[in-house]
Amino acid sequence: MTLLDDVSSISISKSAGYGGFNEQYVITTDNKAFISVFEDVLTHAKGKKQKVNIKEEKPDYDLRIRYENGETHGLHLVLGNKGERSRIMYIGHENNSFELLAEDTAILRDLLEDEKVIQ
């Protein structure tokens, strides 16, 4: 997955479903260590076509990535359990996902647990 610019902040909310964006953020952070780990995980993600049943499935989290240049991206995250892969996709492009390796899922879960996003 390619990022457009340096990330300035990340906002995370529980998802209400595909296609929309929940702006009731659990956290918004500009912590450089958090962002660095998050960027590293995203850059390892590999593109993959998928079929999503947007009426019956739901992502776990919505993410708003804000870049230094002022642009933003809305993403859905389907977070796997430890030992499983996760998927991330741009909102509105749910059939084109990016798959995270199980190792990156573990890193991401730890990061989100540390920030009390996952309890």
PDB file of N, CA and C in Angstrom:
ATOM      1  N   MET A   1       0.859  -1.165   0.000  1.00  0.00           N
ATOM      2  CA  MET A   1       0.000   0.000   0.000  1.00  0.00           C
ATOM      3  C   MET A   1       0.904   1.226   0.000  1.00  0.00           C
ATOM      4  N   THR A   2       0.599   2.161  -0.854  1.00  0.00           N
ATOM      5  CA  THR A   2       1.407   3.368  -0.969  1.00  0.00           C
ATOM      6  C   THR A   2       0.709   4.530  -0.269  1.00  0.00           C
ATOM      7  N   LEU A   3       1.442   5.237   0.543  1.00  0.00           N
ATOM      8  CA  LEU A   3       0.911   6.421   1.203  1.00  0.00           C
ATOM      9  C   LEU A   3       1.267   7.651   0.372  1.00  0.00           C
ATOM     10  N   LEU A   4       0.399   8.658   0.383  1.00  0.00           N
ATOM     11  CA  LEU A   4       0.567   9.826  -0.477  1.00  0.00           C
ATOM     12  C   LEU A   4       1.659  10.780  -0.013  1.00  0.00           C
ATOM     13  N   ASP A   5       1.860  10.854   1.295  1.00  0.00           N
ATOM     14  CA  ASP A   5       2.768  11.832   1.868  1.00  0.00           C
ATOM     15  C   ASP A   5       3.094  11.350   3.269  1.00  0.00           C
ATOM     16  N   ASP A   6       3.858  12.107   4.005  1.00  0.00           N
ATOM     17  CA  ASP A   6       4.103  11.786   5.401  1.00  0.00           C
ATOM     18  C   ASP A   6       2.805  11.962   6.178  1.00  0.00           C
ATOM     19  N   VAL A   7       2.520  11.017   7.066  1.00  0.00           N
ATOM     20  CA  VAL A   7       1.294  11.049   7.859  1.00  0.00           C
ATOM     21  C   VAL A   7       1.483  12.008   9.033  1.00  0.00           C
ATOM     22  N   SER A   8       0.507  12.895   9.233  1.00  0.00           N
ATOM     23  CA  SER A   8       0.581  13.828  10.360  1.00  0.00           C
ATOM     24  C   SER A   8      -0.275  13.368  11.537  1.00  0.00           C
ATOM     25  N   SER A   9      -1.381  12.657  11.260  1.00  0.00           N
ATOM     26  CA  SER A   9      -2.209  12.129  12.343  1.00  0.00           C
ATOM     27  C   SER A   9      -3.063  10.976  11.837  1.00  0.00           C
ATOM     28  N   ILE A  10      -3.506  10.162  12.795  1.00  0.00           N
ATOM     29  CA  ILE A  10      -4.389   9.037  12.499  1.00  0.00           C
ATOM     30  C   ILE A  10      -5.538   9.096  13.491  1.00  0.00           C
ATOM     31  N   SER A  11      -6.768   9.019  12.962  1.00  0.00           N
ATOM     32  CA  SER A  11      -7.971   8.964  13.796  1.00  0.00           C
ATOM     33  C   SER A  11      -8.616   7.606  13.583  1.00  0.00           C
ATOM     34  N   ILE A  12      -9.053   6.984  14.680  1.00  0.00           N
ATOM     35  CA  ILE A  12      -9.618   5.636  14.610  1.00  0.00           C
ATOM     36  C   ILE A  12     -10.956   5.618  15.326  1.00  0.00           C
ATOM     37  N   SER A  13     -11.943   4.977  14.670  1.00  0.00           N
ATOM     38  CA  SER A  13     -13.275   4.817  15.265  1.00  0.00           C
ATOM     39  C   SER A  13     -13.757   3.393  15.002  1.00  0.00           C
ATOM     40  N   LYS A  14     -14.710   2.949  15.815  1.00  0.00           N
ATOM     41  CA  LYS A  14     -15.386   1.680  15.553  1.00  0.00           C
ATOM     42  C   LYS A  14     -16.215   1.875  14.296  1.00  0.00           C
ATOM     43  N   SER A  15     -16.171   0.921  13.394  1.00  0.00           N
ATOM     44  CA  SER A  15     -16.881   1.076  12.124  1.00  0.00           C
ATOM     45  C   SER A  15     -18.369   0.812  12.270  1.00  0.00           C
ATOM     46  N   ALA A  16     -19.152   1.566  11.519  1.00  0.00           N
ATOM     47  CA  ALA A  16     -20.597   1.365  11.455  1.00  0.00           C
ATOM     48  C   ALA A  16     -20.970   0.542  10.224  1.00  0.00           C
ATOM     49  N   GLY A  17     -19.991   0.250   9.365  1.00  0.00           N
ATOM     50  CA  GLY A  17     -20.257  -0.556   8.181  1.00  0.00           C
ATOM     51  C   GLY A  17     -19.536  -0.016   6.958  1.00  0.00           C
ATOM     52  N   TYR A  18     -19.550  -0.820   5.918  1.00  0.00           N
ATOM     53  CA  TYR A  18     -18.865  -0.447   4.683  1.00  0.00           C
ATOM     54  C   TYR A  18     -19.514   0.747   4.024  1.00  0.00           C
ATOM     55  N   GLY A  19     -18.687   1.559   3.368  1.00  0.00           N
ATOM     56  CA  GLY A  19     -19.168   2.675   2.577  1.00  0.00           C
ATOM     57  C   GLY A  19     -19.273   3.982   3.337  1.00  0.00           C
ATOM     58  N   GLY A  20     -19.484   3.915   4.626  1.00  0.00           N
ATOM     59  CA  GLY A  20     -19.591   5.123   5.433  1.00  0.00           C
ATOM     60  C   GLY A  20     -18.353   5.307   6.295  1.00  0.00           C
ATOM     61  N   PHE A  21     -18.388   6.373   7.088  1.00  0.00           N
ATOM     62  CA  PHE A  21     -17.262   6.657   7.966  1.00  0.00           C
ATOM     63  C   PHE A  21     -17.795   7.160   9.298  1.00  0.00           C
ATOM     64  N   ASN A  22     -17.436   6.495  10.378  1.00  0.00           N
ATOM     65  CA  ASN A  22     -17.842   6.904  11.713  1.00  0.00           C
ATOM     66  C   ASN A  22     -16.844   7.933  12.232  1.00  0.00           C
ATOM     67  N   GLU A  23     -17.308   9.150  12.467  1.00  0.00           N
ATOM     68  CA  GLU A  23     -16.428  10.215  12.943  1.00  0.00           C
ATOM     69  C   GLU A  23     -16.428  10.344  14.469  1.00  0.00           C
ATOM     70  N   GLN A  24     -16.979   9.365  15.159  1.00  0.00           N
ATOM     71  CA  GLN A  24     -16.924   9.311  16.627  1.00  0.00           C
ATOM     72  C   GLN A  24     -15.627   8.588  17.008  1.00  0.00           C
ATOM     73  N   TYR A  25     -14.522   9.303  16.935  1.00  0.00           N
ATOM     74  CA  TYR A  25     -13.208   8.692  17.097  1.00  0.00           C
ATOM     75  C   TYR A  25     -12.959   8.190  18.512  1.00  0.00           C
ATOM     76  N   VAL A  26     -12.353   7.013  18.576  1.00  0.00           N
ATOM     77  CA  VAL A  26     -11.879   6.475  19.843  1.00  0.00           C
ATOM     78  C   VAL A  26     -10.588   7.199  20.203  1.00  0.00           C
ATOM     79  N   ILE A  27      -9.725   7.396  19.201  1.00  0.00           N
ATOM     80  CA  ILE A  27      -8.500   8.182  19.400  1.00  0.00           C
ATOM     81  C   ILE A  27      -8.166   8.954  18.128  1.00  0.00           C
ATOM     82  N   THR A  28      -7.478  10.044  18.316  1.00  0.00           N
ATOM     83  CA  THR A  28      -6.779  10.762  17.258  1.00  0.00           C
ATOM     84  C   THR A  28      -5.387  11.003  17.805  1.00  0.00           C
ATOM     85  N   THR A  29      -4.391  10.591  17.043  1.00  0.00           N
ATOM     86  CA  THR A  29      -3.031  10.734  17.549  1.00  0.00           C
ATOM     87  C   THR A  29      -2.100  11.312  16.492  1.00  0.00           C
ATOM     88  N   ASP A  30      -1.179  12.123  16.973  1.00  0.00           N
ATOM     89  CA  ASP A  30      -0.092  12.612  16.124  1.00  0.00           C
ATOM     90  C   ASP A  30       1.248  12.134  16.688  1.00  0.00           C
ATOM     91  N   ASN A  31       1.184  11.111  17.568  1.00  0.00           N
ATOM     92  CA  ASN A  31       2.373  10.517  18.172  1.00  0.00           C
ATOM     93  C   ASN A  31       3.237   9.894  17.078  1.00  0.00           C
ATOM     94  N   LYS A  32       4.458  10.405  16.934  1.00  0.00           N
ATOM     95  CA  LYS A  32       5.349   9.980  15.842  1.00  0.00           C
ATOM     96  C   LYS A  32       5.694   8.495  15.911  1.00  0.00           C
ATOM     97  N   ALA A  33       5.872   7.938  17.124  1.00  0.00           N
ATOM     98  CA  ALA A  33       6.193   6.515  17.255  1.00  0.00           C
ATOM     99  C   ALA A  33       5.017   5.659  16.778  1.00  0.00           C
ATOM    100  N   PHE A  34       3.789   6.025  17.181  1.00  0.00           N
ATOM    101  CA  PHE A  34       2.581   5.324  16.753  1.00  0.00           C
ATOM    102  C   PHE A  34       2.463   5.374  15.232  1.00  0.00           C
ATOM    103  N   ILE A  35       2.606   6.583  14.687  1.00  0.00           N
ATOM    104  CA  ILE A  35       2.468   6.773  13.235  1.00  0.00           C
ATOM    105  C   ILE A  35       3.536   5.994  12.479  1.00  0.00           C
ATOM    106  N   SER A  36       4.744   5.980  12.964  1.00  0.00           N
ATOM    107  CA  SER A  36       5.837   5.270  12.299  1.00  0.00           C
ATOM    108  C   SER A  36       5.547   3.771  12.203  1.00  0.00           C
ATOM    109  N   VAL A  37       5.088   3.185  13.300  1.00  0.00           N
ATOM    110  CA  VAL A  37       4.755   1.754  13.293  1.00  0.00           C
ATOM    111  C   VAL A  37       3.591   1.510  12.341  1.00  0.00           C
ATOM    112  N   PHE A  38       2.579   2.361  12.398  1.00  0.00           N
ATOM    113  CA  PHE A  38       1.403   2.218  11.538  1.00  0.00           C
ATOM    114  C   PHE A  38       1.792   2.321  10.061  1.00  0.00           C
ATOM    115  N   GLU A  39       2.611   3.311   9.726  1.00  0.00           N
ATOM    116  CA  GLU A  39       3.070   3.477   8.336  1.00  0.00           C
ATOM    117  C   GLU A  39       3.828   2.237   7.869  1.00  0.00           C
ATOM    118  N   ASP A  40       4.682   1.711   8.725  1.00  0.00           N
ATOM    119  CA  ASP A  40       5.470   0.530   8.380  1.00  0.00           C
ATOM    120  C   ASP A  40       4.561  -0.656   8.074  1.00  0.00           C
ATOM    121  N   VAL A  41       3.548  -0.872   8.909  1.00  0.00           N
ATOM    122  CA  VAL A  41       2.597  -1.966   8.690  1.00  0.00           C
ATOM    123  C   VAL A  41       1.862  -1.766   7.365  1.00  0.00           C
ATOM    124  N   LEU A  42       1.404  -0.548   7.096  1.00  0.00           N
ATOM    125  CA  LEU A  42       0.657  -0.284   5.863  1.00  0.00           C
ATOM    126  C   LEU A  42       1.507  -0.484   4.620  1.00  0.00           C
ATOM    127  N   THR A  43       2.780  -0.120   4.678  1.00  0.00           N
ATOM    128  CA  THR A  43       3.619  -0.248   3.487  1.00  0.00           C
ATOM    129  C   THR A  43       3.937  -1.706   3.163  1.00  0.00           C
ATOM    130  N   HIS A  44       3.741  -2.621   4.112  1.00  0.00           N
ATOM    131  CA  HIS A  44       3.935  -4.051   3.852  1.00  0.00           C
ATOM    132  C   HIS A  44       2.693  -4.705   3.237  1.00  0.00           C
ATOM    133  N   ALA A  45       1.546  -4.033   3.300  1.00  0.00           N
ATOM    134  CA  ALA A  45       0.286  -4.611   2.836  1.00  0.00           C
ATOM    135  C   ALA A  45       0.319  -4.825   1.326  1.00  0.00           C
ATOM    136  N   LYS A  46      -0.193  -5.981   0.904  1.00  0.00           N
ATOM    137  CA  LYS A  46      -0.212  -6.362  -0.510  1.00  0.00           C
ATOM    138  C   LYS A  46      -1.634  -6.305  -1.053  1.00  0.00           C
ATOM    139  N   GLY A  47      -1.799  -5.713  -2.241  1.00  0.00           N
ATOM    140  CA  GLY A  47      -3.104  -5.582  -2.869  1.00  0.00           C
ATOM    141  C   GLY A  47      -3.712  -6.926  -3.217  1.00  0.00           C
ATOM    142  N   LYS A  48      -5.044  -7.017  -3.074  1.00  0.00           N
ATOM    143  CA  LYS A  48      -5.753  -8.258  -3.337  1.00  0.00           C
ATOM    144  C   LYS A  48      -7.210  -7.938  -3.669  1.00  0.00           C
ATOM    145  N   LYS A  49      -7.731  -8.537  -4.726  1.00  0.00           N
ATOM    146  CA  LYS A  49      -9.157  -8.405  -5.057  1.00  0.00           C
ATOM    147  C   LYS A  49      -9.943  -9.282  -4.091  1.00  0.00           C
ATOM    148  N   GLN A  50     -11.126  -8.820  -3.708  1.00  0.00           N
ATOM    149  CA  GLN A  50     -11.977  -9.603  -2.817  1.00  0.00           C
ATOM    150  C   GLN A  50     -13.427  -9.291  -3.110  1.00  0.00           C
ATOM    151  N   LYS A  51     -14.284 -10.176  -2.695  1.00  0.00           N
ATOM    152  CA  LYS A  51     -15.727  -9.939  -2.766  1.00  0.00           C
ATOM    153  C   LYS A  51     -16.198  -9.647  -1.349  1.00  0.00           C
ATOM    154  N   VAL A  52     -16.815  -8.511  -1.163  1.00  0.00           N
ATOM    155  CA  VAL A  52     -17.308  -8.123   0.153  1.00  0.00           C
ATOM    156  C   VAL A  52     -18.826  -8.030   0.087  1.00  0.00           C
ATOM    157  N   ASN A  53     -19.481  -8.702   1.011  1.00  0.00           N
ATOM    158  CA  ASN A  53     -20.927  -8.582   1.141  1.00  0.00           C
ATOM    159  C   ASN A  53     -21.180  -7.419   2.088  1.00  0.00           C
ATOM    160  N   ILE A  54     -21.339  -6.230   1.531  1.00  0.00           N
ATOM    161  CA  ILE A  54     -21.419  -5.021   2.355  1.00  0.00           C
ATOM    162  C   ILE A  54     -22.694  -4.957   3.195  1.00  0.00           C
ATOM    163  N   LYS A  55     -23.662  -5.806   2.904  1.00  0.00           N
ATOM    164  CA  LYS A  55     -24.890  -5.825   3.701  1.00  0.00           C
ATOM    165  C   LYS A  55     -24.750  -6.732   4.923  1.00  0.00           C
ATOM    166  N   GLU A  56     -23.901  -7.761   4.837  1.00  0.00           N
ATOM    167  CA  GLU A  56     -23.797  -8.722   5.934  1.00  0.00           C
ATOM    168  C   GLU A  56     -22.465  -8.682   6.668  1.00  0.00           C
ATOM    169  N   GLU A  57     -21.452  -8.106   6.057  1.00  0.00           N
ATOM    170  CA  GLU A  57     -20.152  -8.008   6.706  1.00  0.00           C
ATOM    171  C   GLU A  57     -19.937  -6.579   7.183  1.00  0.00           C
ATOM    172  N   LYS A  58     -19.027  -6.432   8.128  1.00  0.00           N
ATOM    173  CA  LYS A  58     -18.741  -5.100   8.649  1.00  0.00           C
ATOM    174  C   LYS A  58     -17.266  -5.051   9.050  1.00  0.00           C
ATOM    175  N   PRO A  59     -16.565  -3.985   8.667  1.00  0.00           N
ATOM    176  CA  PRO A  59     -15.182  -3.846   9.138  1.00  0.00           C
ATOM    177  C   PRO A  59     -15.177  -3.545  10.637  1.00  0.00           C
ATOM    178  N   ASP A  60     -14.035  -3.735  11.258  1.00  0.00           N
ATOM    179  CA  ASP A  60     -13.924  -3.475  12.688  1.00  0.00           C
ATOM    180  C   ASP A  60     -13.729  -1.989  12.982  1.00  0.00           C
ATOM    181  N   TYR A  61     -12.899  -1.329  12.174  1.00  0.00           N
ATOM    182  CA  TYR A  61     -12.528   0.059  12.448  1.00  0.00           C
ATOM    183  C   TYR A  61     -12.527   0.895  11.177  1.00  0.00           C
ATOM    184  N   ASP A  62     -12.763   2.191  11.355  1.00  0.00           N
ATOM    185  CA  ASP A  62     -12.574   3.185  10.303  1.00  0.00           C
ATOM    186  C   ASP A  62     -11.370   4.018  10.710  1.00  0.00           C
ATOM    187  N   LEU A  63     -10.547   4.365   9.738  1.00  0.00           N
ATOM    188  CA  LEU A  63      -9.350   5.154  10.008  1.00  0.00           C
ATOM    189  C   LEU A  63      -9.325   6.357   9.088  1.00  0.00           C
ATOM    190  N   ARG A  64      -9.015   7.492   9.653  1.00  0.00           N
ATOM    191  CA  ARG A  64      -8.786   8.689   8.842  1.00  0.00           C
ATOM    192  C   ARG A  64      -7.300   8.997   8.943  1.00  0.00           C
ATOM    193  N   ILE A  65      -6.635   8.895   7.799  1.00  0.00           N
ATOM    194  CA  ILE A  65      -5.211   9.194   7.714  1.00  0.00           C
ATOM    195  C   ILE A  65      -5.082  10.625   7.212  1.00  0.00           C
ATOM    196  N   ARG A  66      -4.460  11.470   7.997  1.00  0.00           N
ATOM    197  CA  ARG A  66      -4.228  12.862   7.593  1.00  0.00           C
ATOM    198  C   ARG A  66      -2.749  13.006   7.272  1.00  0.00           C
ATOM    199  N   TYR A  67      -2.474  13.553   6.096  1.00  0.00           N
ATOM    200  CA  TYR A  67      -1.102  13.729   5.631  1.00  0.00           C
ATOM    201  C   TYR A  67      -0.598  15.138   5.924  1.00  0.00           C
ATOM    202  N   GLU A  68       0.713  15.274   5.919  1.00  0.00           N
ATOM    203  CA  GLU A  68       1.348  16.579   6.149  1.00  0.00           C
ATOM    204  C   GLU A  68       0.878  17.619   5.135  1.00  0.00           C
ATOM    205  N   ASN A  69       0.566  17.189   3.898  1.00  0.00           N
ATOM    206  CA  ASN A  69       0.134  18.125   2.864  1.00  0.00           C
ATOM    207  C   ASN A  69      -1.346  18.512   2.989  1.00  0.00           C
ATOM    208  N   GLY A  70      -2.043  18.004   4.034  1.00  0.00           N
ATOM    209  CA  GLY A  70      -3.438  18.353   4.267  1.00  0.00           C
ATOM    210  C   GLY A  70      -4.450  17.371   3.704  1.00  0.00           C
ATOM    211  N   GLU A  71      -4.037  16.489   2.816  1.00  0.00           N
ATOM    212  CA  GLU A  71      -4.957  15.502   2.253  1.00  0.00           C
ATOM    213  C   GLU A  71      -5.296  14.448   3.295  1.00  0.00           C
ATOM    214  N   THR A  72      -6.416  13.750   3.063  1.00  0.00           N
ATOM    215  CA  THR A  72      -6.819  12.665   3.956  1.00  0.00           C
ATOM    216  C   THR A  72      -7.245  11.454   3.138  1.00  0.00           C
ATOM    217  N   HIS A  73      -7.204  10.315   3.789  1.00  0.00           N
ATOM    218  CA  HIS A  73      -7.738   9.073   3.240  1.00  0.00           C
ATOM    219  C   HIS A  73      -8.613   8.439   4.300  1.00  0.00           C
ATOM    220  N   GLY A  74      -9.744   7.890   3.883  1.00  0.00           N
ATOM    221  CA  GLY A  74     -10.594   7.103   4.767  1.00  0.00           C
ATOM    222  C   GLY A  74     -10.378   5.640   4.462  1.00  0.00           C
ATOM    223  N   LEU A  75     -10.133   4.856   5.492  1.00  0.00           N
ATOM    224  CA  LEU A  75      -9.865   3.436   5.336  1.00  0.00           C
ATOM    225  C   LEU A  75     -10.769   2.617   6.241  1.00  0.00           C
ATOM    226  N   HIS A  76     -11.099   1.398   5.807  1.00  0.00           N
ATOM    227  CA  HIS A  76     -11.751   0.405   6.647  1.00  0.00           C
ATOM    228  C   HIS A  76     -10.689  -0.614   7.030  1.00  0.00           C
ATOM    229  N   LEU A  77     -10.746  -1.099   8.268  1.00  0.00           N
ATOM    230  CA  LEU A  77      -9.834  -2.130   8.744  1.00  0.00           C
ATOM    231  C   LEU A  77     -10.629  -3.309   9.268  1.00  0.00           C
ATOM    232  N   VAL A  78     -10.341  -4.496   8.712  1.00  0.00           N
ATOM    233  CA  VAL A  78     -10.850  -5.751   9.241  1.00  0.00           C
ATOM    234  C   VAL A  78      -9.668  -6.369   9.966  1.00  0.00           C
ATOM    235  N   LEU A  79      -9.703  -6.299  11.294  1.00  0.00           N
ATOM    236  CA  LEU A  79      -8.572  -6.697  12.112  1.00  0.00           C
ATOM    237  C   LEU A  79      -8.676  -8.169  12.482  1.00  0.00           C
ATOM    238  N   GLY A  80      -7.692  -8.942  12.038  1.00  0.00           N
ATOM    239  CA  GLY A  80      -7.646 -10.353  12.384  1.00  0.00           C
ATOM    240  C   GLY A  80      -7.173 -10.542  13.815  1.00  0.00           C
ATOM    241  N   ASN A  81      -7.376 -11.735  14.331  1.00  0.00           N
ATOM    242  CA  ASN A  81      -6.836 -12.096  15.634  1.00  0.00           C
ATOM    243  C   ASN A  81      -5.342 -12.372  15.484  1.00  0.00           C
ATOM    244  N   LYS A  82      -4.630 -12.475  16.592  1.00  0.00           N
ATOM    245  CA  LYS A  82      -3.204 -12.803  16.519  1.00  0.00           C
ATOM    246  C   LYS A  82      -3.055 -14.132  15.791  1.00  0.00           C
ATOM    247  N   GLY A  83      -2.101 -14.186  14.875  1.00  0.00           N
ATOM    248  CA  GLY A  83      -1.889 -15.377  14.060  1.00  0.00           C
ATOM    249  C   GLY A  83      -2.686 -15.373  12.770  1.00  0.00           C
ATOM    250  N   GLU A  84      -3.542 -14.371  12.577  1.00  0.00           N
ATOM    251  CA  GLU A  84      -4.355 -14.259  11.367  1.00  0.00           C
ATOM    252  C   GLU A  84      -3.939 -13.026  10.564  1.00  0.00           C
ATOM    253  N   ARG A  85      -4.346 -13.017   9.310  1.00  0.00           N
ATOM    254  CA  ARG A  85      -4.126 -11.849   8.462  1.00  0.00           C
ATOM    255  C   ARG A  85      -5.246 -10.839   8.690  1.00  0.00           C
ATOM    256  N   SER A  86      -4.976  -9.591   8.370  1.00  0.00           N
ATOM    257  CA  SER A  86      -5.976  -8.521   8.427  1.00  0.00           C
ATOM    258  C   SER A  86      -6.127  -7.949   7.030  1.00  0.00           C
ATOM    259  N   ARG A  87      -7.177  -7.160   6.841  1.00  0.00           N
ATOM    260  CA  ARG A  87      -7.402  -6.487   5.560  1.00  0.00           C
ATOM    261  C   ARG A  87      -7.685  -5.023   5.816  1.00  0.00           C
ATOM    262  N   ILE A  88      -7.184  -4.210   4.914  1.00  0.00           N
ATOM    263  CA  ILE A  88      -7.458  -2.776   4.975  1.00  0.00           C
ATOM    264  C   ILE A  88      -7.840  -2.335   3.570  1.00  0.00           C
ATOM    265  N   MET A  89      -8.775  -1.400   3.466  1.00  0.00           N
ATOM    266  CA  MET A  89      -9.221  -0.956   2.143  1.00  0.00           C
ATOM    267  C   MET A  89      -9.664   0.498   2.206  1.00  0.00           C
ATOM    268  N   TYR A  90      -9.542   1.171   1.072  1.00  0.00           N
ATOM    269  CA  TYR A  90     -10.038   2.542   0.976  1.00  0.00           C
ATOM    270  C   TYR A  90     -11.563   2.518   1.000  1.00  0.00           C
ATOM    271  N   ILE A  91     -12.171   3.427   1.728  1.00  0.00           N
ATOM    272  CA  ILE A  91     -13.622   3.523   1.768  1.00  0.00           C
ATOM    273  C   ILE A  91     -14.126   3.840   0.362  1.00  0.00           C
ATOM    274  N   GLY A  92     -15.112   3.066  -0.063  1.00  0.00           N
ATOM    275  CA  GLY A  92     -15.661   3.208  -1.410  1.00  0.00           C
ATOM    276  C   GLY A  92     -15.007   2.282  -2.416  1.00  0.00           C
ATOM    277  N   HIS A  93     -13.959   1.599  -2.007  1.00  0.00           N
ATOM    278  CA  HIS A  93     -13.240   0.662  -2.881  1.00  0.00           C
ATOM    279  C   HIS A  93     -13.045  -0.663  -2.144  1.00  0.00           C
ATOM    280  N   GLU A  94     -14.111  -1.164  -1.545  1.00  0.00           N
ATOM    281  CA  GLU A  94     -14.038  -2.316  -0.657  1.00  0.00           C
ATOM    282  C   GLU A  94     -13.613  -3.611  -1.343  1.00  0.00           C
ATOM    283  N   ASN A  95     -13.812  -3.726  -2.661  1.00  0.00           N
ATOM    284  CA  ASN A  95     -13.417  -4.953  -3.357  1.00  0.00           C
ATOM    285  C   ASN A  95     -11.933  -4.986  -3.712  1.00  0.00           C
ATOM    286  N   ASN A  96     -11.224  -3.917  -3.433  1.00  0.00           N
ATOM    287  CA  ASN A  96      -9.775  -3.850  -3.629  1.00  0.00           C
ATOM    288  C   ASN A  96      -9.131  -3.664  -2.264  1.00  0.00           C
ATOM    289  N   SER A  97      -8.774  -4.768  -1.641  1.00  0.00           N
ATOM    290  CA  SER A  97      -8.218  -4.666  -0.292  1.00  0.00           C
ATOM    291  C   SER A  97      -6.702  -4.798  -0.328  1.00  0.00           C
ATOM    292  N   PHE A  98      -6.117  -4.538   0.806  1.00  0.00           N
ATOM    293  CA  PHE A  98      -4.694  -4.755   1.023  1.00  0.00           C
ATOM    294  C   PHE A  98      -4.595  -5.690   2.210  1.00  0.00           C
ATOM    295  N   GLU A  99      -3.876  -6.788   2.024  1.00  0.00           N
ATOM    296  CA  GLU A  99      -3.785  -7.799   3.069  1.00  0.00           C
ATOM    297  C   GLU A  99      -2.529  -7.608   3.899  1.00  0.00           C
ATOM    298  N   LEU A 100      -2.712  -7.690   5.218  1.00  0.00           N
ATOM    299  CA  LEU A 100      -1.597  -7.588   6.150  1.00  0.00           C
ATOM    300  C   LEU A 100      -1.208  -8.985   6.595  1.00  0.00           C
ATOM    301  N   LEU A 101       0.072  -9.260   6.651  1.00  0.00           N
ATOM    302  CA  LEU A 101       0.558 -10.548   7.127  1.00  0.00           C
ATOM    303  C   LEU A 101       0.186 -10.738   8.600  1.00  0.00           C
ATOM    304  N   ALA A 102       0.170 -11.982   9.053  1.00  0.00           N
ATOM    305  CA  ALA A 102      -0.155 -12.288  10.445  1.00  0.00           C
ATOM    306  C   ALA A 102       0.786 -11.558  11.403  1.00  0.00           C
ATOM    307  N   GLU A 103       2.065 -11.446  11.029  1.00  0.00           N
ATOM    308  CA  GLU A 103       3.037 -10.745  11.881  1.00  0.00           C
ATOM    309  C   GLU A 103       2.667  -9.270  12.027  1.00  0.00           C
ATOM    310  N   ASP A 104       2.208  -8.673  10.933  1.00  0.00           N
ATOM    311  CA  ASP A 104       1.811  -7.261  10.973  1.00  0.00           C
ATOM    312  C   ASP A 104       0.493  -7.084  11.731  1.00  0.00           C
ATOM    313  N   THR A 105      -0.398  -8.089  11.644  1.00  0.00           N
ATOM    314  CA  THR A 105      -1.627  -8.048  12.440  1.00  0.00           C
ATOM    315  C   THR A 105      -1.279  -8.009  13.922  1.00  0.00           C
ATOM    316  N   ALA A 106      -0.323  -8.838  14.340  1.00  0.00           N
ATOM    317  CA  ALA A 106       0.086  -8.869  15.752  1.00  0.00           C
ATOM    318  C   ALA A 106       0.642  -7.514  16.184  1.00  0.00           C
ATOM    319  N   ILE A 107       1.466  -6.905  15.337  1.00  0.00           N
ATOM    320  CA  ILE A 107       2.034  -5.580  15.639  1.00  0.00           C
ATOM    321  C   ILE A 107       0.915  -4.551  15.763  1.00  0.00           C
ATOM    322  N   LEU A 108      -0.018  -4.576  14.814  1.00  0.00           N
ATOM    323  CA  LEU A 108      -1.125  -3.622  14.816  1.00  0.00           C
ATOM    324  C   LEU A 108      -2.030  -3.822  16.026  1.00  0.00           C
ATOM    325  N   ARG A 109      -2.328  -5.067  16.357  1.00  0.00           N
ATOM    326  CA  ARG A 109      -3.161  -5.350  17.541  1.00  0.00           C
ATOM    327  C   ARG A 109      -2.491  -4.816  18.804  1.00  0.00           C
ATOM    328  N   ASP A 110      -1.193  -5.065  18.949  1.00  0.00           N
ATOM    329  CA  ASP A 110      -0.460  -4.569  20.121  1.00  0.00           C
ATOM    330  C   ASP A 110      -0.517  -3.045  20.188  1.00  0.00           C
ATOM    331  N   LEU A 111      -0.329  -2.403  19.040  1.00  0.00           N
ATOM    332  CA  LEU A 111      -0.363  -0.943  18.975  1.00  0.00           C
ATOM    333  C   LEU A 111      -1.730  -0.416  19.399  1.00  0.00           C
ATOM    334  N   LEU A 112      -2.798  -1.032  18.890  1.00  0.00           N
ATOM    335  CA  LEU A 112      -4.157  -0.590  19.213  1.00  0.00           C
ATOM    336  C   LEU A 112      -4.532  -0.912  20.658  1.00  0.00           C
ATOM    337  N   GLU A 113      -4.027  -2.020  21.180  1.00  0.00           N
ATOM    338  CA  GLU A 113      -4.263  -2.346  22.592  1.00  0.00           C
ATOM    339  C   GLU A 113      -3.559  -1.342  23.500  1.00  0.00           C
ATOM    340  N   ASP A 114      -2.337  -0.981  23.156  1.00  0.00           N
ATOM    341  CA  ASP A 114      -1.591   0.014  23.955  1.00  0.00           C
ATOM    342  C   ASP A 114      -2.322   1.346  24.023  1.00  0.00           C
ATOM    343  N   GLU A 115      -3.025   1.708  22.955  1.00  0.00           N
ATOM    344  CA  GLU A 115      -3.744   2.984  22.890  1.00  0.00           C
ATOM    345  C   GLU A 115      -5.190   2.859  23.383  1.00  0.00           C
ATOM    346  N   LYS A 116      -5.543   1.684  23.899  1.00  0.00           N
ATOM    347  CA  LYS A 116      -6.893   1.426  24.455  1.00  0.00           C
ATOM    348  C   LYS A 116      -7.995   1.479  23.410  1.00  0.00           C
ATOM    349  N   VAL A 117      -7.629   1.263  22.121  1.00  0.00           N
ATOM    350  CA  VAL A 117      -8.642   1.165  21.067  1.00  0.00           C
ATOM    351  C   VAL A 117      -9.327  -0.187  21.194  1.00  0.00           C
ATOM    352  N   ILE A 118      -8.518  -1.230  21.437  1.00  0.00           N
ATOM    353  CA  ILE A 118      -9.017  -2.575  21.683  1.00  0.00           C
ATOM    354  C   ILE A 118      -8.945  -2.793  23.187  1.00  0.00           C
ATOM    355  N   GLN A 119     -10.048  -3.277  23.748  1.00  0.00           N
ATOM    356  CA  GLN A 119     -10.039  -3.514  25.201  1.00  0.00           C
ATOM    357  C   GLN A 119     -10.394  -4.922  25.530  1.00  0.00           C
TER     358      GLN A 119
END
